[in-house]
């Protein structure tokens, strides 16, 4: 059992207890006092064991606090990373070159040691995630400044090195936040390499969104591989890859001149608009079929976004604004009806 499975078990226990209390209050089911005591004692013992082993949330209040701790670790990591960058550039000029190199090499190593110590002392890994992001920022600063000191030609391989550092930390300690940072760097490296294969200089990879379509597909495909030893990681790969894919398609659907395709801008934009609808619909179908709720939500969000973008192109300029928003509301109602039918069909299949 991993932490996600333990949390799911605790959630089921709390839901069962709430439903049992509701049935008792409604007079539908009342357990004998000794049975109720044994059941409550069993659940309490199980929750205590899960809490000691996995440090899970056993109540709604704890879940809310955990969400606040995740946000605090994210913002804390961003703030500390910014502090590291600004500190280095503030005092950098007064430090000798050997000391500069020593500081640059030592900083990420100290970060790794900090992650190890935090992971040993805290099972929830909030502080480990925070320190891991700071260590990643130090490593980015390390390669960037060392390249400036020794006048090294910029290379896309720095992105690969940053991605490898972040992914190693993520897989070593099961840290999801640093995994996202690693996938971010990996996506940009893949886009840069695809751009160089197309004949562009690697720093120009952002000018062609098709690079990110292929990179997003590659990350999504990696998420189809089972990663049972790292729960939740495959879902992050899938969601992140699809997010990159959908954003790239959205850009091309409204900015056809950035495409490699040798057609008119209007034809390119229309083609990518159709591709966006098809990709979003396929994503919704795949998410429902494979029971991936995050994928379903992502596909639904971008389907609506593509649809509303197209409606703005069609109607905003010539239609009265009150009528435009009325039609948007009616479209939303129609989408709700369609999604409700899909939900009812899925429920009938389960029944």
C-alpha atoms as a PDB file:
ATOM      1  CA  UNK A   1       0.000   0.000   0.000  1.00  0.00           C
ATOM      2  CA  UNK A   2       1.247   3.494  -0.877  1.00  0.00           C
ATOM      3  CA  UNK A   3       0.231   6.873   0.493  1.00  0.00           C
ATOM      4  CA  UNK A   4      -2.455   7.505  -2.152  1.00  0.00           C
ATOM      5  CA  UNK A   5      -4.071   4.139  -1.457  1.00  0.00           C
ATOM      6  CA  UNK A   6      -3.891   4.768   2.295  1.00  0.00           C
ATOM      7  CA  UNK A   7      -5.553   8.175   1.846  1.00  0.00           C
ATOM      8  CA  UNK A   8      -8.273   6.609  -0.310  1.00  0.00           C
ATOM      9  CA  UNK A   9      -8.888   3.983   2.381  1.00  0.00           C
ATOM     10  CA  UNK A  10      -9.159   6.656   5.075  1.00  0.00           C
ATOM     11  CA  UNK A  11     -11.599   8.627   2.903  1.00  0.00           C
ATOM     12  CA  UNK A  12     -13.750   5.515   2.439  1.00  0.00           C
ATOM     13  CA  UNK A  13     -13.790   4.900   6.194  1.00  0.00           C
ATOM     14  CA  UNK A  14     -14.932   8.456   6.912  1.00  0.00           C
ATOM     15  CA  UNK A  15     -17.569   8.272   4.173  1.00  0.00           C
ATOM     16  CA  UNK A  16     -18.814   4.947   5.554  1.00  0.00           C
ATOM     17  CA  UNK A  17     -19.036   6.384   9.055  1.00  0.00           C
ATOM     18  CA  UNK A  18     -20.990   9.412   7.817  1.00  0.00           C
ATOM     19  CA  UNK A  19     -23.420   7.227   5.859  1.00  0.00           C
ATOM     20  CA  UNK A  20     -23.857   4.860   8.791  1.00  0.00           C
ATOM     21  CA  UNK A  21     -24.695   7.827  11.033  1.00  0.00           C
ATOM     22  CA  UNK A  22     -27.216   9.084   8.465  1.00  0.00           C
ATOM     23  CA  UNK A  23     -28.865   5.649   8.260  1.00  0.00           C
ATOM     24  CA  UNK A  24     -29.061   5.487  12.044  1.00  0.00           C
ATOM     25  CA  UNK A  25     -30.650   8.943  12.258  1.00  0.00           C
ATOM     26  CA  UNK A  26     -33.178   7.976   9.572  1.00  0.00           C
ATOM     27  CA  UNK A  27     -34.094   4.817  11.464  1.00  0.00           C
ATOM     28  CA  UNK A  28     -33.083   2.573   8.561  1.00  0.00           C
ATOM     29  CA  UNK A  29     -30.208   0.692  10.227  1.00  0.00           C
ATOM     30  CA  UNK A  30     -29.083   0.599  13.826  1.00  0.00           C
ATOM     31  CA  UNK A  31     -26.218  -1.603  14.916  1.00  0.00           C
ATOM     32  CA  UNK A  32     -26.180  -3.324  18.272  1.00  0.00           C
ATOM     33  CA  UNK A  33     -24.055  -1.435  20.841  1.00  0.00           C
ATOM     34  CA  UNK A  34     -21.331  -4.094  20.928  1.00  0.00           C
ATOM     35  CA  UNK A  35     -21.206  -4.260  17.113  1.00  0.00           C
ATOM     36  CA  UNK A  36     -20.989  -0.467  16.843  1.00  0.00           C
ATOM     37  CA  UNK A  37     -18.184  -0.392  19.409  1.00  0.00           C
ATOM     38  CA  UNK A  38     -16.184  -3.111  17.634  1.00  0.00           C
ATOM     39  CA  UNK A  39     -16.622  -1.379  14.281  1.00  0.00           C
ATOM     40  CA  UNK A  40     -15.615   2.011  15.661  1.00  0.00           C
ATOM     41  CA  UNK A  41     -12.612   0.503  17.446  1.00  0.00           C
ATOM     42  CA  UNK A  42     -11.519  -1.284  14.279  1.00  0.00           C
ATOM     43  CA  UNK A  43     -11.746   1.887  12.215  1.00  0.00           C
ATOM     44  CA  UNK A  44      -9.939   3.959  14.830  1.00  0.00           C
ATOM     45  CA  UNK A  45      -7.105   1.434  15.050  1.00  0.00           C
ATOM     46  CA  UNK A  46      -6.817   1.260  11.284  1.00  0.00           C
ATOM     47  CA  UNK A  47      -6.770   5.038  10.904  1.00  0.00           C
ATOM     48  CA  UNK A  48      -4.078   5.341  13.577  1.00  0.00           C
ATOM     49  CA  UNK A  49      -1.932   2.738  11.794  1.00  0.00           C
ATOM     50  CA  UNK A  50      -2.344   4.499   8.461  1.00  0.00           C
ATOM     51  CA  UNK A  51      -1.586   7.852  10.067  1.00  0.00           C
ATOM     52  CA  UNK A  52       1.598   6.575  11.704  1.00  0.00           C
ATOM     53  CA  UNK A  53       2.812   4.885   8.536  1.00  0.00           C
ATOM     54  CA  UNK A  54       1.826   7.377   5.839  1.00  0.00           C
ATOM     55  CA  UNK A  55       0.972  10.673   7.588  1.00  0.00           C
ATOM     56  CA  UNK A  56      -2.360  10.926   5.788  1.00  0.00           C
ATOM     57  CA  UNK A  57      -5.334  13.257   6.380  1.00  0.00           C
ATOM     58  CA  UNK A  58      -8.080  11.641   8.439  1.00  0.00           C
ATOM     59  CA  UNK A  59     -10.532  14.554   8.540  1.00  0.00           C
ATOM     60  CA  UNK A  60     -11.804  17.398   6.355  1.00  0.00           C
ATOM     61  CA  UNK A  61      -9.977  19.956   8.494  1.00  0.00           C
ATOM     62  CA  UNK A  62      -6.690  18.130   7.995  1.00  0.00           C
ATOM     63  CA  UNK A  63      -7.279  18.037   4.218  1.00  0.00           C
ATOM     64  CA  UNK A  64      -7.847  21.775   4.129  1.00  0.00           C
ATOM     65  CA  UNK A  65      -4.702  22.378   6.154  1.00  0.00           C
ATOM     66  CA  UNK A  66      -2.730  20.060   3.859  1.00  0.00           C
ATOM     67  CA  UNK A  67      -3.837  22.073   0.844  1.00  0.00           C
ATOM     68  CA  UNK A  68      -2.678  25.230   2.586  1.00  0.00           C
ATOM     69  CA  UNK A  69       0.659  23.577   3.340  1.00  0.00           C
ATOM     70  CA  UNK A  70       1.100  22.611  -0.326  1.00  0.00           C
ATOM     71  CA  UNK A  71       0.445  26.184  -1.414  1.00  0.00           C
ATOM     72  CA  UNK A  72       2.758  27.496   1.303  1.00  0.00           C
ATOM     73  CA  UNK A  73       5.554  25.153   0.180  1.00  0.00           C
ATOM     74  CA  UNK A  74       5.111  26.259  -3.441  1.00  0.00           C
ATOM     75  CA  UNK A  75       5.144  29.983  -2.689  1.00  0.00           C
ATOM     76  CA  UNK A  76       7.940  29.522  -0.169  1.00  0.00           C
ATOM     77  CA  UNK A  77      10.054  27.705  -2.735  1.00  0.00           C
ATOM     78  CA  UNK A  78       9.460  30.442  -5.316  1.00  0.00           C
ATOM     79  CA  UNK A  79      10.337  33.156  -2.808  1.00  0.00           C
ATOM     80  CA  UNK A  80      13.497  31.408  -1.598  1.00  0.00           C
ATOM     81  CA  UNK A  81      14.592  30.701  -5.174  1.00  0.00           C
ATOM     82  CA  UNK A  82      14.159  34.374  -6.038  1.00  0.00           C
ATOM     83  CA  UNK A  83      16.140  35.278  -2.914  1.00  0.00           C
ATOM     84  CA  UNK A  84      19.001  33.001  -4.020  1.00  0.00           C
ATOM     85  CA  UNK A  85      19.119  34.556  -7.494  1.00  0.00           C
ATOM     86  CA  UNK A  86      18.991  38.115  -6.202  1.00  0.00           C
ATOM     87  CA  UNK A  87      21.579  37.424  -3.490  1.00  0.00           C
ATOM     88  CA  UNK A  88      24.049  35.993  -5.974  1.00  0.00           C
ATOM     89  CA  UNK A  89      23.667  38.841  -8.443  1.00  0.00           C
ATOM     90  CA  UNK A  90      23.769  41.454  -5.666  1.00  0.00           C
ATOM     91  CA  UNK A  91      27.153  40.386  -4.257  1.00  0.00           C
ATOM     92  CA  UNK A  92      28.582  38.492  -7.240  1.00  0.00           C
ATOM     93  CA  UNK A  93      30.885  41.196  -8.481  1.00  0.00           C
ATOM     94  CA  UNK A  94      32.838  41.383  -5.212  1.00  0.00           C
ATOM     95  CA  UNK A  95      33.637  37.662  -5.076  1.00  0.00           C
ATOM     96  CA  UNK A  96      36.738  36.116  -6.629  1.00  0.00           C
ATOM     97  CA  UNK A  97      36.349  33.611  -9.458  1.00  0.00           C
ATOM     98  CA  UNK A  98      37.524  30.536  -7.455  1.00  0.00           C
ATOM     99  CA  UNK A  99      35.091  31.388  -4.679  1.00  0.00           C
ATOM    100  CA  UNK A 100      32.334  31.929  -7.232  1.00  0.00           C
ATOM    101  CA  UNK A 101      32.898  28.462  -8.697  1.00  0.00           C
ATOM    102  CA  UNK A 102      33.016  26.932  -5.228  1.00  0.00           C
ATOM    103  CA  UNK A 103      29.742  28.551  -4.207  1.00  0.00           C
ATOM    104  CA  UNK A 104      28.045  27.527  -7.433  1.00  0.00           C
ATOM    105  CA  UNK A 105      29.105  23.904  -7.092  1.00  0.00           C
ATOM    106  CA  UNK A 106      28.318  23.722  -3.370  1.00  0.00           C
ATOM    107  CA  UNK A 107      24.850  25.315  -3.429  1.00  0.00           C
ATOM    108  CA  UNK A 108      22.927  22.496  -5.216  1.00  0.00           C
ATOM    109  CA  UNK A 109      24.829  19.844  -3.219  1.00  0.00           C
ATOM    110  CA  UNK A 110      23.735  21.503   0.014  1.00  0.00           C
ATOM    111  CA  UNK A 111      20.203  21.551  -1.382  1.00  0.00           C
ATOM    112  CA  UNK A 112      20.317  17.783  -2.002  1.00  0.00           C
ATOM    113  CA  UNK A 113      21.553  17.198   1.545  1.00  0.00           C
ATOM    114  CA  UNK A 114      18.710  19.370   2.821  1.00  0.00           C
ATOM    115  CA  UNK A 115      16.166  17.324   0.849  1.00  0.00           C
ATOM    116  CA  UNK A 116      17.561  14.099   2.316  1.00  0.00           C
ATOM    117  CA  UNK A 117      17.403  15.413   5.880  1.00  0.00           C
ATOM    118  CA  UNK A 118      13.890  16.812   5.430  1.00  0.00           C
ATOM    119  CA  UNK A 119      12.629  13.564   3.856  1.00  0.00           C
ATOM    120  CA  UNK A 120      13.938  11.565   6.801  1.00  0.00           C
ATOM    121  CA  UNK A 121      12.291  13.793   9.396  1.00  0.00           C
ATOM    122  CA  UNK A 122       8.955  14.501   7.680  1.00  0.00           C
ATOM    123  CA  UNK A 123       6.822  11.879   5.949  1.00  0.00           C
ATOM    124  CA  UNK A 124       4.485  14.411   4.329  1.00  0.00           C
ATOM    125  CA  UNK A 125       7.480  15.807   2.364  1.00  0.00           C
ATOM    126  CA  UNK A 126       6.278  19.424   2.321  1.00  0.00           C
ATOM    127  CA  UNK A 127       9.644  20.771   3.452  1.00  0.00           C
ATOM    128  CA  UNK A 128      11.452  18.295   1.202  1.00  0.00           C
ATOM    129  CA  UNK A 129       9.493  19.633  -1.799  1.00  0.00           C
ATOM    130  CA  UNK A 130      10.321  23.205  -0.835  1.00  0.00           C
ATOM    131  CA  UNK A 131      14.043  22.486  -0.464  1.00  0.00           C
ATOM    132  CA  UNK A 132      14.065  20.426  -3.683  1.00  0.00           C
ATOM    133  CA  UNK A 133      12.746  23.384  -5.682  1.00  0.00           C
ATOM    134  CA  UNK A 134      15.357  25.649  -4.122  1.00  0.00           C
ATOM    135  CA  UNK A 135      18.052  23.077  -4.953  1.00  0.00           C
ATOM    136  CA  UNK A 136      16.770  23.014  -8.538  1.00  0.00           C
ATOM    137  CA  UNK A 137      16.951  26.805  -8.718  1.00  0.00           C
ATOM    138  CA  UNK A 138      20.540  26.636  -7.427  1.00  0.00           C
ATOM    139  CA  UNK A 139      21.408  24.093 -10.115  1.00  0.00           C
ATOM    140  CA  UNK A 140      19.900  26.301 -12.831  1.00  0.00           C
ATOM    141  CA  UNK A 141      21.899  29.233 -11.476  1.00  0.00           C
ATOM    142  CA  UNK A 142      24.978  26.989 -11.304  1.00  0.00           C
ATOM    143  CA  UNK A 143      25.037  26.076 -14.999  1.00  0.00           C
ATOM    144  CA  UNK A 144      23.950  29.525 -16.147  1.00  0.00           C
ATOM    145  CA  UNK A 145      26.613  31.473 -14.260  1.00  0.00           C
ATOM    146  CA  UNK A 146      29.369  28.912 -14.886  1.00  0.00           C
ATOM    147  CA  UNK A 147      28.628  29.259 -18.580  1.00  0.00           C
ATOM    148  CA  UNK A 148      29.039  33.022 -18.304  1.00  0.00           C
ATOM    149  CA  UNK A 149      32.242  32.767 -16.256  1.00  0.00           C
ATOM    150  CA  UNK A 150      33.958  30.404 -18.688  1.00  0.00           C
ATOM    151  CA  UNK A 151      32.305  31.828 -21.803  1.00  0.00           C
ATOM    152  CA  UNK A 152      30.643  28.534 -22.766  1.00  0.00           C
ATOM    153  CA  UNK A 153      28.428  28.582 -25.871  1.00  0.00           C
ATOM    154  CA  UNK A 154      24.755  28.340 -24.856  1.00  0.00           C
ATOM    155  CA  UNK A 155      23.284  24.918 -25.576  1.00  0.00           C
ATOM    156  CA  UNK A 156      19.849  23.288 -25.254  1.00  0.00           C
ATOM    157  CA  UNK A 157      21.566  20.518 -23.317  1.00  0.00           C
ATOM    158  CA  UNK A 158      21.431  22.790 -20.260  1.00  0.00           C
ATOM    159  CA  UNK A 159      17.643  22.283 -20.323  1.00  0.00           C
ATOM    160  CA  UNK A 160      18.204  18.523 -20.396  1.00  0.00           C
ATOM    161  CA  UNK A 161      20.604  18.757 -17.441  1.00  0.00           C
ATOM    162  CA  UNK A 162      18.086  20.813 -15.447  1.00  0.00           C
ATOM    163  CA  UNK A 163      15.349  18.313 -16.292  1.00  0.00           C
ATOM    164  CA  UNK A 164      17.539  15.365 -15.275  1.00  0.00           C
ATOM    165  CA  UNK A 165      18.392  17.003 -11.937  1.00  0.00           C
ATOM    166  CA  UNK A 166      14.742  17.678 -11.144  1.00  0.00           C
ATOM    167  CA  UNK A 167      13.542  14.250 -12.248  1.00  0.00           C
ATOM    168  CA  UNK A 168      16.225  12.491 -10.212  1.00  0.00           C
ATOM    169  CA  UNK A 169      15.075  14.335  -7.096  1.00  0.00           C
ATOM    170  CA  UNK A 170      11.435  13.635  -7.924  1.00  0.00           C
ATOM    171  CA  UNK A 171      11.920   9.893  -8.384  1.00  0.00           C
ATOM    172  CA  UNK A 172      14.333   9.540  -5.475  1.00  0.00           C
ATOM    173  CA  UNK A 173      11.920  11.038  -2.939  1.00  0.00           C
ATOM    174  CA  UNK A 174       8.510  10.842  -4.628  1.00  0.00           C
ATOM    175  CA  UNK A 175       8.187  14.639  -4.954  1.00  0.00           C
ATOM    176  CA  UNK A 176       5.483  15.735  -7.385  1.00  0.00           C
ATOM    177  CA  UNK A 177       6.204  19.449  -7.354  1.00  0.00           C
ATOM    178  CA  UNK A 178       9.788  19.059  -8.544  1.00  0.00           C
ATOM    179  CA  UNK A 179       8.524  16.487 -11.073  1.00  0.00           C
ATOM    180  CA  UNK A 180       6.444  19.227 -12.728  1.00  0.00           C
ATOM    181  CA  UNK A 181       9.525  21.474 -12.825  1.00  0.00           C
ATOM    182  CA  UNK A 182      11.490  18.663 -14.437  1.00  0.00           C
ATOM    183  CA  UNK A 183       8.786  18.063 -17.053  1.00  0.00           C
ATOM    184  CA  UNK A 184       8.753  21.789 -17.797  1.00  0.00           C
ATOM    185  CA  UNK A 185      12.479  21.754 -18.604  1.00  0.00           C
ATOM    186  CA  UNK A 186      12.168  18.457 -20.475  1.00  0.00           C
ATOM    187  CA  UNK A 187       9.365  19.830 -22.659  1.00  0.00           C
ATOM    188  CA  UNK A 188      11.396  22.872 -23.616  1.00  0.00           C
ATOM    189  CA  UNK A 189      14.423  20.684 -24.389  1.00  0.00           C
ATOM    190  CA  UNK A 190      12.331  18.421 -26.626  1.00  0.00           C
ATOM    191  CA  UNK A 191      10.856  21.463 -28.398  1.00  0.00           C
ATOM    192  CA  UNK A 192      14.360  22.900 -28.914  1.00  0.00           C
ATOM    193  CA  UNK A 193      15.677  19.623 -30.333  1.00  0.00           C
ATOM    194  CA  UNK A 194      12.688  19.285 -32.650  1.00  0.00           C
ATOM    195  CA  UNK A 195      13.330  22.848 -33.807  1.00  0.00           C
ATOM    196  CA  UNK A 196      16.976  22.088 -34.612  1.00  0.00           C
ATOM    197  CA  UNK A 197      15.905  19.054 -36.644  1.00  0.00           C
ATOM    198  CA  UNK A 198      13.670  21.403 -38.616  1.00  0.00           C
ATOM    199  CA  UNK A 199      16.621  23.649 -39.433  1.00  0.00           C
ATOM    200  CA  UNK A 200      16.062  26.371 -36.832  1.00  0.00           C
ATOM    201  CA  UNK A 201      18.589  27.638 -34.307  1.00  0.00           C
ATOM    202  CA  UNK A 202      17.667  26.172 -30.941  1.00  0.00           C
ATOM    203  CA  UNK A 203      16.868  29.506 -29.259  1.00  0.00           C
ATOM    204  CA  UNK A 204      14.124  30.084 -31.855  1.00  0.00           C
ATOM    205  CA  UNK A 205      12.131  26.979 -30.923  1.00  0.00           C
ATOM    206  CA  UNK A 206       9.396  29.065 -29.288  1.00  0.00           C
ATOM    207  CA  UNK A 207       8.524  30.712 -32.612  1.00  0.00           C
ATOM    208  CA  UNK A 208       6.919  27.502 -33.904  1.00  0.00           C
ATOM    209  CA  UNK A 209       4.202  26.079 -31.624  1.00  0.00           C
ATOM    210  CA  UNK A 210       4.273  22.787 -33.540  1.00  0.00           C
ATOM    211  CA  UNK A 211       7.463  21.994 -31.614  1.00  0.00           C
ATOM    212  CA  UNK A 212       5.426  21.950 -28.419  1.00  0.00           C
ATOM    213  CA  UNK A 213       2.694  19.802 -29.965  1.00  0.00           C
ATOM    214  CA  UNK A 214       5.223  17.028 -30.558  1.00  0.00           C
ATOM    215  CA  UNK A 215       6.875  17.575 -27.174  1.00  0.00           C
ATOM    216  CA  UNK A 216       3.514  17.439 -25.396  1.00  0.00           C
ATOM    217  CA  UNK A 217       2.604  14.224 -27.198  1.00  0.00           C
ATOM    218  CA  UNK A 218       5.920  12.695 -26.135  1.00  0.00           C
ATOM    219  CA  UNK A 219       5.331  13.581 -22.469  1.00  0.00           C
ATOM    220  CA  UNK A 220       1.750  12.295 -22.649  1.00  0.00           C
ATOM    221  CA  UNK A 221       2.955   9.018 -24.184  1.00  0.00           C
ATOM    222  CA  UNK A 222       5.397   8.618 -21.280  1.00  0.00           C
ATOM    223  CA  UNK A 223       2.413   8.909 -18.954  1.00  0.00           C
ATOM    224  CA  UNK A 224       0.847   5.817 -20.499  1.00  0.00           C
ATOM    225  CA  UNK A 225       3.608   3.699 -18.956  1.00  0.00           C
ATOM    226  CA  UNK A 226       2.716   2.265 -15.545  1.00  0.00           C
ATOM    227  CA  UNK A 227       4.685   3.760 -12.670  1.00  0.00           C
ATOM    228  CA  UNK A 228       3.312   1.808  -9.736  1.00  0.00           C
ATOM    229  CA  UNK A 229       6.333   2.592  -7.556  1.00  0.00           C
ATOM    230  CA  UNK A 230       5.578   6.323  -7.843  1.00  0.00           C
ATOM    231  CA  UNK A 231       1.818   6.827  -7.391  1.00  0.00           C
ATOM    232  CA  UNK A 232       0.405   9.823  -9.180  1.00  0.00           C
ATOM    233  CA  UNK A 233       3.425  10.390 -11.414  1.00  0.00           C
ATOM    234  CA  UNK A 234       1.863   8.894 -14.552  1.00  0.00           C
ATOM    235  CA  UNK A 235      -1.175  11.147 -14.115  1.00  0.00           C
ATOM    236  CA  UNK A 236       1.082  14.202 -13.903  1.00  0.00           C
ATOM    237  CA  UNK A 237       2.801  13.167 -17.146  1.00  0.00           C
ATOM    238  CA  UNK A 238      -0.542  12.789 -18.898  1.00  0.00           C
ATOM    239  CA  UNK A 239      -2.026  16.040 -17.611  1.00  0.00           C
ATOM    240  CA  UNK A 240       1.109  18.085 -18.286  1.00  0.00           C
ATOM    241  CA  UNK A 241       1.600  16.640 -21.779  1.00  0.00           C
ATOM    242  CA  UNK A 242      -2.009  17.345 -22.733  1.00  0.00           C
ATOM    243  CA  UNK A 243      -1.824  20.858 -21.284  1.00  0.00           C
ATOM    244  CA  UNK A 244       1.203  21.663 -23.466  1.00  0.00           C
ATOM    245  CA  UNK A 245      -0.509  20.114 -26.490  1.00  0.00           C
ATOM    246  CA  UNK A 246      -3.771  22.013 -26.050  1.00  0.00           C
ATOM    247  CA  UNK A 247      -2.083  25.372 -25.435  1.00  0.00           C
ATOM    248  CA  UNK A 248       0.037  24.970 -28.588  1.00  0.00           C
ATOM    249  CA  UNK A 249      -3.058  24.117 -30.641  1.00  0.00           C
ATOM    250  CA  UNK A 250      -4.909  27.099 -29.163  1.00  0.00           C
ATOM    251  CA  UNK A 251      -2.064  29.435 -30.175  1.00  0.00           C
ATOM    252  CA  UNK A 252      -1.994  28.078 -33.728  1.00  0.00           C
ATOM    253  CA  UNK A 253      -5.783  28.241 -34.000  1.00  0.00           C
ATOM    254  CA  UNK A 254      -5.517  32.014 -33.512  1.00  0.00           C
ATOM    255  CA  UNK A 255      -2.070  32.746 -34.990  1.00  0.00           C
ATOM    256  CA  UNK A 256      -1.667  30.764 -38.190  1.00  0.00           C
ATOM    257  CA  UNK A 257       1.427  32.623 -39.363  1.00  0.00           C
ATOM    258  CA  UNK A 258       3.496  30.825 -36.709  1.00  0.00           C
ATOM    259  CA  UNK A 259       2.882  27.447 -38.344  1.00  0.00           C
ATOM    260  CA  UNK A 260       5.166  25.440 -40.601  1.00  0.00           C
ATOM    261  CA  UNK A 261       2.224  24.738 -42.915  1.00  0.00           C
ATOM    262  CA  UNK A 262       2.383  26.466 -46.298  1.00  0.00           C
ATOM    263  CA  UNK A 263      -1.229  27.549 -46.511  1.00  0.00           C
ATOM    264  CA  UNK A 264      -3.068  30.788 -45.921  1.00  0.00           C
ATOM    265  CA  UNK A 265      -3.332  31.948 -42.318  1.00  0.00           C
ATOM    266  CA  UNK A 266      -7.086  31.458 -42.351  1.00  0.00           C
ATOM    267  CA  UNK A 267      -6.795  27.888 -43.608  1.00  0.00           C
ATOM    268  CA  UNK A 268      -4.157  27.066 -40.996  1.00  0.00           C
ATOM    269  CA  UNK A 269      -6.225  28.547 -38.179  1.00  0.00           C
ATOM    270  CA  UNK A 270      -9.354  26.697 -39.279  1.00  0.00           C
ATOM    271  CA  UNK A 271      -7.398  23.439 -39.485  1.00  0.00           C
ATOM    272  CA  UNK A 272      -6.024  23.798 -35.985  1.00  0.00           C
ATOM    273  CA  UNK A 273      -9.429  24.772 -34.655  1.00  0.00           C
ATOM    274  CA  UNK A 274     -10.831  21.506 -36.004  1.00  0.00           C
ATOM    275  CA  UNK A 275      -7.826  19.649 -34.623  1.00  0.00           C
ATOM    276  CA  UNK A 276      -8.407  21.221 -31.212  1.00  0.00           C
ATOM    277  CA  UNK A 277     -12.045  20.083 -31.128  1.00  0.00           C
ATOM    278  CA  UNK A 278     -11.068  16.582 -32.257  1.00  0.00           C
ATOM    279  CA  UNK A 279      -8.201  16.317 -29.742  1.00  0.00           C
ATOM    280  CA  UNK A 280     -10.386  17.567 -26.876  1.00  0.00           C
ATOM    281  CA  UNK A 281     -13.176  15.146 -27.767  1.00  0.00           C
ATOM    282  CA  UNK A 282     -10.738  12.241 -28.049  1.00  0.00           C
ATOM    283  CA  UNK A 283      -9.235  13.212 -24.693  1.00  0.00           C
ATOM    284  CA  UNK A 284     -12.654  13.188 -23.023  1.00  0.00           C
ATOM    285  CA  UNK A 285     -13.440   9.771 -24.516  1.00  0.00           C
ATOM    286  CA  UNK A 286     -10.073   8.332 -23.504  1.00  0.00           C
ATOM    287  CA  UNK A 287     -10.343   9.745 -19.978  1.00  0.00           C
ATOM    288  CA  UNK A 288     -13.791   8.224 -19.493  1.00  0.00           C
ATOM    289  CA  UNK A 289     -12.703   4.888 -20.919  1.00  0.00           C
ATOM    290  CA  UNK A 290      -9.535   4.659 -18.809  1.00  0.00           C
ATOM    291  CA  UNK A 291     -11.101   6.238 -15.687  1.00  0.00           C
ATOM    292  CA  UNK A 292      -8.790   9.260 -15.679  1.00  0.00           C
ATOM    293  CA  UNK A 293     -10.889  12.099 -14.209  1.00  0.00           C
ATOM    294  CA  UNK A 294      -8.095  14.659 -14.553  1.00  0.00           C
ATOM    295  CA  UNK A 295      -7.816  13.929 -18.272  1.00  0.00           C
ATOM    296  CA  UNK A 296     -11.593  14.228 -18.680  1.00  0.00           C
ATOM    297  CA  UNK A 297     -11.634  17.597 -16.911  1.00  0.00           C
ATOM    298  CA  UNK A 298      -8.720  18.887 -18.986  1.00  0.00           C
ATOM    299  CA  UNK A 299     -10.331  17.798 -22.260  1.00  0.00           C
ATOM    300  CA  UNK A 300     -13.680  19.315 -21.263  1.00  0.00           C
ATOM    301  CA  UNK A 301     -12.052  22.613 -20.265  1.00  0.00           C
ATOM    302  CA  UNK A 302     -10.233  23.040 -23.552  1.00  0.00           C
ATOM    303  CA  UNK A 303     -13.233  21.896 -25.602  1.00  0.00           C
ATOM    304  CA  UNK A 304     -15.251  24.703 -24.040  1.00  0.00           C
ATOM    305  CA  UNK A 305     -12.340  27.127 -24.480  1.00  0.00           C
ATOM    306  CA  UNK A 306     -11.970  26.259 -28.167  1.00  0.00           C
ATOM    307  CA  UNK A 307     -15.712  26.561 -28.659  1.00  0.00           C
ATOM    308  CA  UNK A 308     -15.970  29.959 -26.981  1.00  0.00           C
ATOM    309  CA  UNK A 309     -12.956  31.240 -28.918  1.00  0.00           C
ATOM    310  CA  UNK A 310     -14.639  30.230 -32.155  1.00  0.00           C
ATOM    311  CA  UNK A 311     -17.930  31.812 -31.137  1.00  0.00           C
ATOM    312  CA  UNK A 312     -16.138  35.082 -30.409  1.00  0.00           C
ATOM    313  CA  UNK A 313     -14.589  34.994 -33.891  1.00  0.00           C
ATOM    314  CA  UNK A 314     -17.987  34.418 -35.467  1.00  0.00           C
ATOM    315  CA  UNK A 315     -20.292  36.692 -33.547  1.00  0.00           C
ATOM    316  CA  UNK A 316     -18.521  39.323 -31.426  1.00  0.00           C
ATOM    317  CA  UNK A 317     -18.065  42.006 -34.084  1.00  0.00           C
ATOM    318  CA  UNK A 318     -21.570  42.161 -35.566  1.00  0.00           C
ATOM    319  CA  UNK A 319     -23.900  40.826 -32.872  1.00  0.00           C
ATOM    320  CA  UNK A 320     -25.372  42.972 -30.046  1.00  0.00           C
ATOM    321  CA  UNK A 321     -23.476  42.223 -26.886  1.00  0.00           C
ATOM    322  CA  UNK A 322     -26.539  41.232 -24.838  1.00  0.00           C
ATOM    323  CA  UNK A 323     -27.487  38.725 -27.540  1.00  0.00           C
ATOM    324  CA  UNK A 324     -23.913  37.427 -27.720  1.00  0.00           C
ATOM    325  CA  UNK A 325     -23.787  36.633 -24.005  1.00  0.00           C
ATOM    326  CA  UNK A 326     -27.291  35.191 -24.128  1.00  0.00           C
ATOM    327  CA  UNK A 327     -26.157  32.770 -26.823  1.00  0.00           C
ATOM    328  CA  UNK A 328     -23.034  31.905 -24.809  1.00  0.00           C
ATOM    329  CA  UNK A 329     -25.286  31.037 -21.873  1.00  0.00           C
ATOM    330  CA  UNK A 330     -27.494  28.883 -24.085  1.00  0.00           C
ATOM    331  CA  UNK A 331     -24.420  27.106 -25.439  1.00  0.00           C
ATOM    332  CA  UNK A 332     -23.313  26.430 -21.867  1.00  0.00           C
ATOM    333  CA  UNK A 333     -26.744  24.940 -21.091  1.00  0.00           C
ATOM    334  CA  UNK A 334     -26.464  22.744 -24.188  1.00  0.00           C
ATOM    335  CA  UNK A 335     -23.034  21.529 -23.130  1.00  0.00           C
ATOM    336  CA  UNK A 336     -24.364  20.705 -19.677  1.00  0.00           C
ATOM    337  CA  UNK A 337     -27.154  18.620 -21.211  1.00  0.00           C
ATOM    338  CA  UNK A 338     -24.695  16.735 -23.443  1.00  0.00           C
ATOM    339  CA  UNK A 339     -22.287  16.053 -20.581  1.00  0.00           C
ATOM    340  CA  UNK A 340     -25.176  14.968 -18.373  1.00  0.00           C
ATOM    341  CA  UNK A 341     -26.242  12.423 -20.998  1.00  0.00           C
ATOM    342  CA  UNK A 342     -22.700  11.111 -21.183  1.00  0.00           C
ATOM    343  CA  UNK A 343     -22.603  10.863 -17.376  1.00  0.00           C
ATOM    344  CA  UNK A 344     -25.951   9.035 -17.240  1.00  0.00           C
ATOM    345  CA  UNK A 345     -24.776   6.613 -19.935  1.00  0.00           C
ATOM    346  CA  UNK A 346     -21.610   5.894 -17.969  1.00  0.00           C
ATOM    347  CA  UNK A 347     -23.658   5.308 -14.811  1.00  0.00           C
ATOM    348  CA  UNK A 348     -25.946   2.850 -16.661  1.00  0.00           C
ATOM    349  CA  UNK A 349     -22.911   0.894 -17.848  1.00  0.00           C
ATOM    350  CA  UNK A 350     -21.670   0.630 -14.262  1.00  0.00           C
ATOM    351  CA  UNK A 351     -25.087  -0.470 -13.073  1.00  0.00           C
END
